[in-house]
Amino acid sequence: MTDPDDIAWLAPKITPHPWKCFDQPLRLHDEAGVRALPQSQIVCTSTLPYRDPADLEPARAAGRLWDIDTGHDLMVSEPQAVAGFLELVAAATAAG
């Protein structure tokens, strides 16, 4: 983040990341069912080179992969773009 107004707005809202998400394993009881759900991905363009292409492929193949050319906190730096893509996700989900 570089915009001083964004930094000032966000700073008092920052909290430590919950450790349990790293320490507590996720147990899926129906992994095939979870993998069958449609995947959508809204990502920062800058992170694409560091992502496993296989993880992105289901969303890409379904036309549900969008990237925004901004930093990690895209929901703060580009809220209208994120909201627009979330509306596309909602519409695609509603359409089945």
PDB file of N, CA and C in Angstrom:
ATOM      1  N   MET A   1       0.822  -1.179   0.000  1.00  0.00           N
ATOM      2  CA  MET A   1       0.000   0.000   0.000  1.00  0.00           C
ATOM      3  C   MET A   1       0.863   1.238   0.000  1.00  0.00           C
ATOM      4  N   THR A   2       0.476   2.209  -0.817  1.00  0.00           N
ATOM      5  CA  THR A   2       1.269   3.435  -0.900  1.00  0.00           C
ATOM      6  C   THR A   2       0.448   4.700  -0.688  1.00  0.00           C
ATOM      7  N   ASP A   3      -0.854   4.645  -0.894  1.00  0.00           N
ATOM      8  CA  ASP A   3      -1.692   5.836  -0.748  1.00  0.00           C
ATOM      9  C   ASP A   3      -1.824   6.189   0.733  1.00  0.00           C
ATOM     10  N   PRO A   4      -1.397   7.391   1.130  1.00  0.00           N
ATOM     11  CA  PRO A   4      -1.449   7.775   2.545  1.00  0.00           C
ATOM     12  C   PRO A   4      -2.859   7.704   3.140  1.00  0.00           C
ATOM     13  N   ASP A   5      -3.879   8.050   2.353  1.00  0.00           N
ATOM     14  CA  ASP A   5      -5.254   7.979   2.866  1.00  0.00           C
ATOM     15  C   ASP A   5      -5.670   6.535   3.129  1.00  0.00           C
ATOM     16  N   ASP A   6      -5.293   5.623   2.225  1.00  0.00           N
ATOM     17  CA  ASP A   6      -5.601   4.203   2.432  1.00  0.00           C
ATOM     18  C   ASP A   6      -4.883   3.666   3.669  1.00  0.00           C
ATOM     19  N   ILE A   7      -3.625   4.049   3.832  1.00  0.00           N
ATOM     20  CA  ILE A   7      -2.842   3.591   4.984  1.00  0.00           C
ATOM     21  C   ILE A   7      -3.460   4.105   6.283  1.00  0.00           C
ATOM     22  N   ALA A   8      -3.836   5.379   6.306  1.00  0.00           N
ATOM     23  CA  ALA A   8      -4.441   5.968   7.508  1.00  0.00           C
ATOM     24  C   ALA A   8      -5.770   5.294   7.828  1.00  0.00           C
ATOM     25  N   TRP A   9      -6.551   4.970   6.822  1.00  0.00           N
ATOM     26  CA  TRP A   9      -7.844   4.317   7.045  1.00  0.00           C
ATOM     27  C   TRP A   9      -7.655   2.896   7.564  1.00  0.00           C
ATOM     28  N   LEU A  10      -6.677   2.180   7.000  1.00  0.00           N
ATOM     29  CA  LEU A  10      -6.497   0.772   7.334  1.00  0.00           C
ATOM     30  C   LEU A  10      -5.739   0.539   8.644  1.00  0.00           C
ATOM     31  N   ALA A  11      -4.792   1.401   8.973  1.00  0.00           N
ATOM     32  CA  ALA A  11      -3.905   1.168  10.128  1.00  0.00           C
ATOM     33  C   ALA A  11      -4.639   0.801  11.417  1.00  0.00           C
ATOM     34  N   PRO A  12      -5.693   1.502  11.805  1.00  0.00           N
ATOM     35  CA  PRO A  12      -6.350   1.129  13.069  1.00  0.00           C
ATOM     36  C   PRO A  12      -7.170  -0.166  12.981  1.00  0.00           C
ATOM     37  N   LYS A  13      -7.344  -0.684  11.791  1.00  0.00           N
ATOM     38  CA  LYS A  13      -8.132  -1.900  11.609  1.00  0.00           C
ATOM     39  C   LYS A  13      -7.274  -3.172  11.569  1.00  0.00           C
ATOM     40  N   ILE A  14      -5.973  -3.006  11.506  1.00  0.00           N
ATOM     41  CA  ILE A  14      -5.068  -4.152  11.378  1.00  0.00           C
ATOM     42  C   ILE A  14      -4.978  -4.898  12.710  1.00  0.00           C
ATOM     43  N   THR A  15      -5.124  -6.205  12.647  1.00  0.00           N
ATOM     44  CA  THR A  15      -5.005  -7.061  13.831  1.00  0.00           C
ATOM     45  C   THR A  15      -4.041  -8.198  13.510  1.00  0.00           C
ATOM     46  N   PRO A  16      -3.498  -8.846  14.519  1.00  0.00           N
ATOM     47  CA  PRO A  16      -2.620  -9.991  14.250  1.00  0.00           C
ATOM     48  C   PRO A  16      -3.382 -11.105  13.529  1.00  0.00           C
ATOM     49  N   HIS A  17      -2.678 -11.801  12.665  1.00  0.00           N
ATOM     50  CA  HIS A  17      -3.286 -12.918  11.938  1.00  0.00           C
ATOM     51  C   HIS A  17      -3.494 -14.088  12.898  1.00  0.00           C
ATOM     52  N   PRO A  18      -4.666 -14.707  12.895  1.00  0.00           N
ATOM     53  CA  PRO A  18      -4.906 -15.847  13.800  1.00  0.00           C
ATOM     54  C   PRO A  18      -3.953 -17.005  13.497  1.00  0.00           C
ATOM     55  N   TRP A  19      -3.231 -17.454  14.489  1.00  0.00           N
ATOM     56  CA  TRP A  19      -2.220 -18.496  14.305  1.00  0.00           C
ATOM     57  C   TRP A  19      -2.832 -19.850  13.952  1.00  0.00           C
ATOM     58  N   LYS A  20      -4.012 -20.139  14.471  1.00  0.00           N
ATOM     59  CA  LYS A  20      -4.619 -21.464  14.269  1.00  0.00           C
ATOM     60  C   LYS A  20      -4.773 -21.808  12.787  1.00  0.00           C
ATOM     61  N   CYS A  21      -4.910 -20.817  11.912  1.00  0.00           N
ATOM     62  CA  CYS A  21      -5.060 -21.138  10.487  1.00  0.00           C
ATOM     63  C   CYS A  21      -3.799 -21.810   9.941  1.00  0.00           C
ATOM     64  N   PHE A  22      -2.663 -21.628  10.586  1.00  0.00           N
ATOM     65  CA  PHE A  22      -1.421 -22.288  10.185  1.00  0.00           C
ATOM     66  C   PHE A  22      -1.215 -23.599  10.940  1.00  0.00           C
ATOM     67  N   ASP A  23      -1.769 -23.681  12.132  1.00  0.00           N
ATOM     68  CA  ASP A  23      -1.497 -24.762  13.059  1.00  0.00           C
ATOM     69  C   ASP A  23      -2.553 -25.874  13.027  1.00  0.00           C
ATOM     70  N   GLN A  24      -3.764 -25.526  12.675  1.00  0.00           N
ATOM     71  CA  GLN A  24      -4.889 -26.455  12.736  1.00  0.00           C
ATOM     72  C   GLN A  24      -5.190 -26.978  11.327  1.00  0.00           C
ATOM     73  N   PRO A  25      -5.057 -28.282  11.100  1.00  0.00           N
ATOM     74  CA  PRO A  25      -5.285 -28.807   9.752  1.00  0.00           C
ATOM     75  C   PRO A  25      -6.761 -28.723   9.344  1.00  0.00           C
ATOM     76  N   LEU A  26      -6.972 -28.503   8.059  1.00  0.00           N
ATOM     77  CA  LEU A  26      -8.318 -28.506   7.503  1.00  0.00           C
ATOM     78  C   LEU A  26      -8.663 -29.945   7.136  1.00  0.00           C
ATOM     79  N   ARG A  27      -9.789 -30.395   7.612  1.00  0.00           N
ATOM     80  CA  ARG A  27     -10.220 -31.760   7.320  1.00  0.00           C
ATOM     81  C   ARG A  27     -11.479 -31.708   6.459  1.00  0.00           C
ATOM     82  N   LEU A  28     -11.344 -32.140   5.225  1.00  0.00           N
ATOM     83  CA  LEU A  28     -12.485 -32.182   4.315  1.00  0.00           C
ATOM     84  C   LEU A  28     -13.099 -33.567   4.370  1.00  0.00           C
ATOM     85  N   HIS A  29     -14.396 -33.621   4.535  1.00  0.00           N
ATOM     86  CA  HIS A  29     -15.081 -34.911   4.588  1.00  0.00           C
ATOM     87  C   HIS A  29     -15.584 -35.333   3.221  1.00  0.00           C
ATOM     88  N   ASP A  30     -15.616 -34.419   2.272  1.00  0.00           N
ATOM     89  CA  ASP A  30     -16.029 -34.728   0.908  1.00  0.00           C
ATOM     90  C   ASP A  30     -15.186 -33.886  -0.047  1.00  0.00           C
ATOM     91  N   GLU A  31     -13.906 -34.228  -0.139  1.00  0.00           N
ATOM     92  CA  GLU A  31     -12.993 -33.431  -0.957  1.00  0.00           C
ATOM     93  C   GLU A  31     -13.445 -33.378  -2.407  1.00  0.00           C
ATOM     94  N   ALA A  32     -13.948 -34.490  -2.934  1.00  0.00           N
ATOM     95  CA  ALA A  32     -14.418 -34.497  -4.325  1.00  0.00           C
ATOM     96  C   ALA A  32     -15.573 -33.510  -4.504  1.00  0.00           C
ATOM     97  N   GLY A  33     -16.461 -33.455  -3.520  1.00  0.00           N
ATOM     98  CA  GLY A  33     -17.575 -32.511  -3.583  1.00  0.00           C
ATOM     99  C   GLY A  33     -17.099 -31.072  -3.559  1.00  0.00           C
ATOM    100  N   VAL A  34     -16.121 -30.785  -2.729  1.00  0.00           N
ATOM    101  CA  VAL A  34     -15.570 -29.432  -2.660  1.00  0.00           C
ATOM    102  C   VAL A  34     -14.899 -29.080  -3.984  1.00  0.00           C
ATOM    103  N   ARG A  35     -14.136 -30.000  -4.536  1.00  0.00           N
ATOM    104  CA  ARG A  35     -13.440 -29.732  -5.813  1.00  0.00           C
ATOM    105  C   ARG A  35     -14.414 -29.582  -6.977  1.00  0.00           C
ATOM    106  N   ALA A  36     -15.613 -30.134  -6.851  1.00  0.00           N
ATOM    107  CA  ALA A  36     -16.612 -30.025  -7.918  1.00  0.00           C
ATOM    108  C   ALA A  36     -17.297 -28.656  -7.931  1.00  0.00           C
ATOM    109  N   LEU A  37     -17.177 -27.899  -6.835  1.00  0.00           N
ATOM    110  CA  LEU A  37     -17.780 -26.568  -6.793  1.00  0.00           C
ATOM    111  C   LEU A  37     -17.085 -25.656  -7.802  1.00  0.00           C
ATOM    112  N   PRO A  38     -17.833 -24.784  -8.474  1.00  0.00           N
ATOM    113  CA  PRO A  38     -17.189 -23.841  -9.402  1.00  0.00           C
ATOM    114  C   PRO A  38     -16.205 -22.949  -8.645  1.00  0.00           C
ATOM    115  N   GLN A  39     -15.058 -22.742  -9.245  1.00  0.00           N
ATOM    116  CA  GLN A  39     -14.039 -21.902  -8.614  1.00  0.00           C
ATOM    117  C   GLN A  39     -13.961 -20.559  -9.324  1.00  0.00           C
ATOM    118  N   SER A  40     -13.865 -19.525  -8.540  1.00  0.00           N
ATOM    119  CA  SER A  40     -13.608 -18.182  -9.051  1.00  0.00           C
ATOM    120  C   SER A  40     -12.384 -17.655  -8.330  1.00  0.00           C
ATOM    121  N   GLN A  41     -11.562 -16.913  -9.045  1.00  0.00           N
ATOM    122  CA  GLN A  41     -10.358 -16.341  -8.435  1.00  0.00           C
ATOM    123  C   GLN A  41     -10.241 -14.890  -8.884  1.00  0.00           C
ATOM    124  N   ILE A  42     -10.099 -13.997  -7.915  1.00  0.00           N
ATOM    125  CA  ILE A  42      -9.795 -12.589  -8.163  1.00  0.00           C
ATOM    126  C   ILE A  42      -8.443 -12.361  -7.514  1.00  0.00           C
ATOM    127  N   VAL A  43      -7.431 -12.104  -8.321  1.00  0.00           N
ATOM    128  CA  VAL A  43      -6.063 -12.052  -7.800  1.00  0.00           C
ATOM    129  C   VAL A  43      -5.362 -10.766  -8.236  1.00  0.00           C
ATOM    130  N   CYS A  44      -4.276 -10.458  -7.546  1.00  0.00           N
ATOM    131  CA  CYS A  44      -3.421  -9.330  -7.922  1.00  0.00           C
ATOM    132  C   CYS A  44      -2.510  -9.791  -9.055  1.00  0.00           C
ATOM    133  N   THR A  45      -2.416  -8.994 -10.089  1.00  0.00           N
ATOM    134  CA  THR A  45      -1.549  -9.328 -11.215  1.00  0.00           C
ATOM    135  C   THR A  45      -0.132  -9.637 -10.734  1.00  0.00           C
ATOM    136  N   SER A  46       0.343  -8.872  -9.759  1.00  0.00           N
ATOM    137  CA  SER A  46       1.723  -9.042  -9.286  1.00  0.00           C
ATOM    138  C   SER A  46       1.976 -10.403  -8.651  1.00  0.00           C
ATOM    139  N   THR A  47       0.928 -11.095  -8.208  1.00  0.00           N
ATOM    140  CA  THR A  47       1.125 -12.406  -7.570  1.00  0.00           C
ATOM    141  C   THR A  47       1.047 -13.568  -8.555  1.00  0.00           C
ATOM    142  N   LEU A  48       0.603 -13.324  -9.774  1.00  0.00           N
ATOM    143  CA  LEU A  48       0.431 -14.423 -10.738  1.00  0.00           C
ATOM    144  C   LEU A  48       1.700 -15.252 -10.970  1.00  0.00           C
ATOM    145  N   PRO A  49       2.882 -14.626 -11.076  1.00  0.00           N
ATOM    146  CA  PRO A  49       4.083 -15.444 -11.303  1.00  0.00           C
ATOM    147  C   PRO A  49       4.414 -16.390 -10.144  1.00  0.00           C
ATOM    148  N   TYR A  50       3.859 -16.135  -8.968  1.00  0.00           N
ATOM    149  CA  TYR A  50       4.179 -16.936  -7.789  1.00  0.00           C
ATOM    150  C   TYR A  50       3.107 -17.977  -7.472  1.00  0.00           C
ATOM    151  N   ARG A  51       2.078 -18.016  -8.263  1.00  0.00           N
ATOM    152  CA  ARG A  51       0.979 -18.959  -8.029  1.00  0.00           C
ATOM    153  C   ARG A  51       1.174 -20.203  -8.874  1.00  0.00           C
ATOM    154  N   ASP A  52       0.717 -21.319  -8.361  1.00  0.00           N
ATOM    155  CA  ASP A  52       0.773 -22.571  -9.099  1.00  0.00           C
ATOM    156  C   ASP A  52      -0.283 -22.522 -10.195  1.00  0.00           C
ATOM    157  N   PRO A  53       0.130 -22.579 -11.472  1.00  0.00           N
ATOM    158  CA  PRO A  53      -0.851 -22.505 -12.563  1.00  0.00           C
ATOM    159  C   PRO A  53      -1.939 -23.574 -12.462  1.00  0.00           C
ATOM    160  N   ALA A  54      -1.608 -24.734 -11.925  1.00  0.00           N
ATOM    161  CA  ALA A  54      -2.609 -25.801 -11.784  1.00  0.00           C
ATOM    162  C   ALA A  54      -3.717 -25.385 -10.822  1.00  0.00           C
ATOM    163  N   ASP A  55      -3.384 -24.582  -9.814  1.00  0.00           N
ATOM    164  CA  ASP A  55      -4.400 -24.117  -8.863  1.00  0.00           C
ATOM    165  C   ASP A  55      -5.357 -23.116  -9.517  1.00  0.00           C
ATOM    166  N   LEU A  56      -4.865 -22.389 -10.506  1.00  0.00           N
ATOM    167  CA  LEU A  56      -5.677 -21.382 -11.180  1.00  0.00           C
ATOM    168  C   LEU A  56      -6.465 -21.952 -12.358  1.00  0.00           C
ATOM    169  N   GLU A  57      -6.045 -23.093 -12.862  1.00  0.00           N
ATOM    170  CA  GLU A  57      -6.606 -23.616 -14.102  1.00  0.00           C
ATOM    171  C   GLU A  57      -8.113 -23.844 -14.074  1.00  0.00           C
ATOM    172  N   PRO A  58      -8.698 -24.424 -13.018  1.00  0.00           N
ATOM    173  CA  PRO A  58     -10.163 -24.599 -13.046  1.00  0.00           C
ATOM    174  C   PRO A  58     -10.912 -23.277 -13.231  1.00  0.00           C
ATOM    175  N   ALA A  59     -10.487 -22.241 -12.538  1.00  0.00           N
ATOM    176  CA  ALA A  59     -11.145 -20.943 -12.684  1.00  0.00           C
ATOM    177  C   ALA A  59     -10.870 -20.355 -14.070  1.00  0.00           C
ATOM    178  N   ARG A  60      -9.641 -20.483 -14.550  1.00  0.00           N
ATOM    179  CA  ARG A  60      -9.291 -19.959 -15.878  1.00  0.00           C
ATOM    180  C   ARG A  60     -10.123 -20.653 -16.953  1.00  0.00           C
ATOM    181  N   ALA A  61     -10.213 -21.971 -16.885  1.00  0.00           N
ATOM    182  CA  ALA A  61     -10.946 -22.747 -17.889  1.00  0.00           C
ATOM    183  C   ALA A  61     -12.432 -22.380 -17.909  1.00  0.00           C
ATOM    184  N   ALA A  62     -12.958 -22.011 -16.748  1.00  0.00           N
ATOM    185  CA  ALA A  62     -14.375 -21.646 -16.654  1.00  0.00           C
ATOM    186  C   ALA A  62     -14.612 -20.164 -16.936  1.00  0.00           C
ATOM    187  N   GLY A  63     -13.551 -19.418 -17.258  1.00  0.00           N
ATOM    188  CA  GLY A  63     -13.703 -17.980 -17.484  1.00  0.00           C
ATOM    189  C   GLY A  63     -13.982 -17.220 -16.206  1.00  0.00           C
ATOM    190  N   ARG A  64     -13.496 -17.758 -15.079  1.00  0.00           N
ATOM    191  CA  ARG A  64     -13.774 -17.159 -13.766  1.00  0.00           C
ATOM    192  C   ARG A  64     -12.475 -16.783 -13.044  1.00  0.00           C
ATOM    193  N   LEU A  65     -11.472 -16.383 -13.811  1.00  0.00           N
ATOM    194  CA  LEU A  65     -10.208 -15.904 -13.245  1.00  0.00           C
ATOM    195  C   LEU A  65     -10.029 -14.464 -13.693  1.00  0.00           C
ATOM    196  N   TRP A  66      -9.906 -13.567 -12.728  1.00  0.00           N
ATOM    197  CA  TRP A  66      -9.715 -12.156 -13.022  1.00  0.00           C
ATOM    198  C   TRP A  66      -8.514 -11.660 -12.231  1.00  0.00           C
ATOM    199  N   ASP A  67      -7.736 -10.788 -12.859  1.00  0.00           N
ATOM    200  CA  ASP A  67      -6.627 -10.192 -12.110  1.00  0.00           C
ATOM    201  C   ASP A  67      -6.730  -8.677 -12.185  1.00  0.00           C
ATOM    202  N   ILE A  68      -6.271  -8.071 -11.120  1.00  0.00           N
ATOM    203  CA  ILE A  68      -6.298  -6.615 -10.978  1.00  0.00           C
ATOM    204  C   ILE A  68      -4.861  -6.159 -10.769  1.00  0.00           C
ATOM    205  N   ASP A  69      -4.430  -5.207 -11.571  1.00  0.00           N
ATOM    206  CA  ASP A  69      -3.050  -4.739 -11.520  1.00  0.00           C
ATOM    207  C   ASP A  69      -2.877  -3.768 -10.355  1.00  0.00           C
ATOM    208  N   THR A  70      -2.693  -4.358  -9.178  1.00  0.00           N
ATOM    209  CA  THR A  70      -2.504  -3.572  -7.956  1.00  0.00           C
ATOM    210  C   THR A  70      -1.756  -4.438  -6.952  1.00  0.00           C
ATOM    211  N   GLY A  71      -1.549  -3.917  -5.778  1.00  0.00           N
ATOM    212  CA  GLY A  71      -0.833  -4.668  -4.747  1.00  0.00           C
ATOM    213  C   GLY A  71      -1.720  -5.659  -4.023  1.00  0.00           C
ATOM    214  N   HIS A  72      -1.182  -6.230  -2.961  1.00  0.00           N
ATOM    215  CA  HIS A  72      -1.819  -7.316  -2.221  1.00  0.00           C
ATOM    216  C   HIS A  72      -3.190  -6.945  -1.652  1.00  0.00           C
ATOM    217  N   ASP A  73      -3.378  -5.725  -1.250  1.00  0.00           N
ATOM    218  CA  ASP A  73      -4.634  -5.314  -0.619  1.00  0.00           C
ATOM    219  C   ASP A  73      -5.600  -4.741  -1.656  1.00  0.00           C
ATOM    220  N   LEU A  74      -5.904  -5.534  -2.667  1.00  0.00           N
ATOM    221  CA  LEU A  74      -6.725  -5.054  -3.781  1.00  0.00           C
ATOM    222  C   LEU A  74      -8.109  -4.601  -3.365  1.00  0.00           C
ATOM    223  N   MET A  75      -8.647  -5.136  -2.277  1.00  0.00           N
ATOM    224  CA  MET A  75      -9.972  -4.715  -1.830  1.00  0.00           C
ATOM    225  C   MET A  75      -9.937  -3.300  -1.255  1.00  0.00           C
ATOM    226  N   VAL A  76      -8.746  -2.822  -0.900  1.00  0.00           N
ATOM    227  CA  VAL A  76      -8.599  -1.448  -0.404  1.00  0.00           C
ATOM    228  C   VAL A  76      -8.196  -0.523  -1.553  1.00  0.00           C
ATOM    229  N   SER A  77      -7.233  -0.948  -2.352  1.00  0.00           N
ATOM    230  CA  SER A  77      -6.722  -0.080  -3.414  1.00  0.00           C
ATOM    231  C   SER A  77      -7.624  -0.030  -4.639  1.00  0.00           C
ATOM    232  N   GLU A  78      -8.406  -1.072  -4.894  1.00  0.00           N
ATOM    233  CA  GLU A  78      -9.278  -1.130  -6.081  1.00  0.00           C
ATOM    234  C   GLU A  78     -10.655  -1.683  -5.725  1.00  0.00           C
ATOM    235  N   PRO A  79     -11.367  -1.046  -4.786  1.00  0.00           N
ATOM    236  CA  PRO A  79     -12.633  -1.621  -4.332  1.00  0.00           C
ATOM    237  C   PRO A  79     -13.688  -1.745  -5.436  1.00  0.00           C
ATOM    238  N   GLN A  80     -13.746  -0.789  -6.363  1.00  0.00           N
ATOM    239  CA  GLN A  80     -14.757  -0.878  -7.426  1.00  0.00           C
ATOM    240  C   GLN A  80     -14.480  -2.062  -8.344  1.00  0.00           C
ATOM    241  N   ALA A  81     -13.223  -2.309  -8.664  1.00  0.00           N
ATOM    242  CA  ALA A  81     -12.882  -3.446  -9.522  1.00  0.00           C
ATOM    243  C   ALA A  81     -13.221  -4.760  -8.826  1.00  0.00           C
ATOM    244  N   VAL A  82     -12.868  -4.873  -7.550  1.00  0.00           N
ATOM    245  CA  VAL A  82     -13.189  -6.093  -6.792  1.00  0.00           C
ATOM    246  C   VAL A  82     -14.698  -6.283  -6.743  1.00  0.00           C
ATOM    247  N   ALA A  83     -15.441  -5.234  -6.448  1.00  0.00           N
ATOM    248  CA  ALA A  83     -16.907  -5.340  -6.379  1.00  0.00           C
ATOM    249  C   ALA A  83     -17.485  -5.763  -7.728  1.00  0.00           C
ATOM    250  N   GLY A  84     -16.944  -5.216  -8.803  1.00  0.00           N
ATOM    251  CA  GLY A  84     -17.416  -5.596 -10.134  1.00  0.00           C
ATOM    252  C   GLY A  84     -17.197  -7.076 -10.423  1.00  0.00           C
ATOM    253  N   PHE A  85     -16.026  -7.585 -10.063  1.00  0.00           N
ATOM    254  CA  PHE A  85     -15.757  -9.006 -10.275  1.00  0.00           C
ATOM    255  C   PHE A  85     -16.609  -9.877  -9.356  1.00  0.00           C
ATOM    256  N   LEU A  86     -16.851  -9.427  -8.126  1.00  0.00           N
ATOM    257  CA  LEU A  86     -17.732 -10.183  -7.228  1.00  0.00           C
ATOM    258  C   LEU A  86     -19.151 -10.240  -7.780  1.00  0.00           C
ATOM    259  N   GLU A  87     -19.592  -9.173  -8.437  1.00  0.00           N
ATOM    260  CA  GLU A  87     -20.903  -9.211  -9.087  1.00  0.00           C
ATOM    261  C   GLU A  87     -20.922 -10.234 -10.217  1.00  0.00           C
ATOM    262  N   LEU A  88     -19.828 -10.361 -10.963  1.00  0.00           N
ATOM    263  CA  LEU A  88     -19.738 -11.387 -12.009  1.00  0.00           C
ATOM    264  C   LEU A  88     -19.785 -12.781 -11.408  1.00  0.00           C
ATOM    265  N   VAL A  89     -19.102 -12.984 -10.285  1.00  0.00           N
ATOM    266  CA  VAL A  89     -19.128 -14.283  -9.596  1.00  0.00           C
ATOM    267  C   VAL A  89     -20.555 -14.605  -9.169  1.00  0.00           C
ATOM    268  N   ALA A  90     -21.221 -13.623  -8.567  1.00  0.00           N
ATOM    269  CA  ALA A  90     -22.596 -13.838  -8.111  1.00  0.00           C
ATOM    270  C   ALA A  90     -23.528 -14.172  -9.269  1.00  0.00           C
ATOM    271  N   ALA A  91     -23.380 -13.456 -10.367  1.00  0.00           N
ATOM    272  CA  ALA A  91     -24.235 -13.702 -11.538  1.00  0.00           C
ATOM    273  C   ALA A  91     -23.977 -15.087 -12.118  1.00  0.00           C
ATOM    274  N   ALA A  92     -22.718 -15.482 -12.213  1.00  0.00           N
ATOM    275  CA  ALA A  92     -22.375 -16.799 -12.745  1.00  0.00           C
ATOM    276  C   ALA A  92     -22.885 -17.901 -11.831  1.00  0.00           C
ATOM    277  N   THR A  93     -22.806 -17.664 -10.532  1.00  0.00           N
ATOM    278  CA  THR A  93     -23.283 -18.665  -9.560  1.00  0.00           C
ATOM    279  C   THR A  93     -24.801 -18.799  -9.643  1.00  0.00           C
ATOM    280  N   ALA A  94     -25.481 -17.684  -9.762  1.00  0.00           N
ATOM    281  CA  ALA A  94     -26.948 -17.697  -9.857  1.00  0.00           C
ATOM    282  C   ALA A  94     -27.412 -18.389 -11.136  1.00  0.00           C
ATOM    283  N   ALA A  95     -26.628 -18.233 -12.210  1.00  0.00           N
ATOM    284  CA  ALA A  95     -26.990 -18.833 -13.491  1.00  0.00           C
ATOM    285  C   ALA A  95     -26.762 -20.339 -13.505  1.00  0.00           C
ATOM    286  N   GLY A  96     -25.967 -20.808 -12.543  1.00  0.00           N
ATOM    287  CA  GLY A  96     -25.717 -22.242 -12.431  1.00  0.00           C
ATOM    288  C   GLY A  96     -24.543 -22.607 -13.208  1.00  0.00           C
TER     289      GLY A  96
END
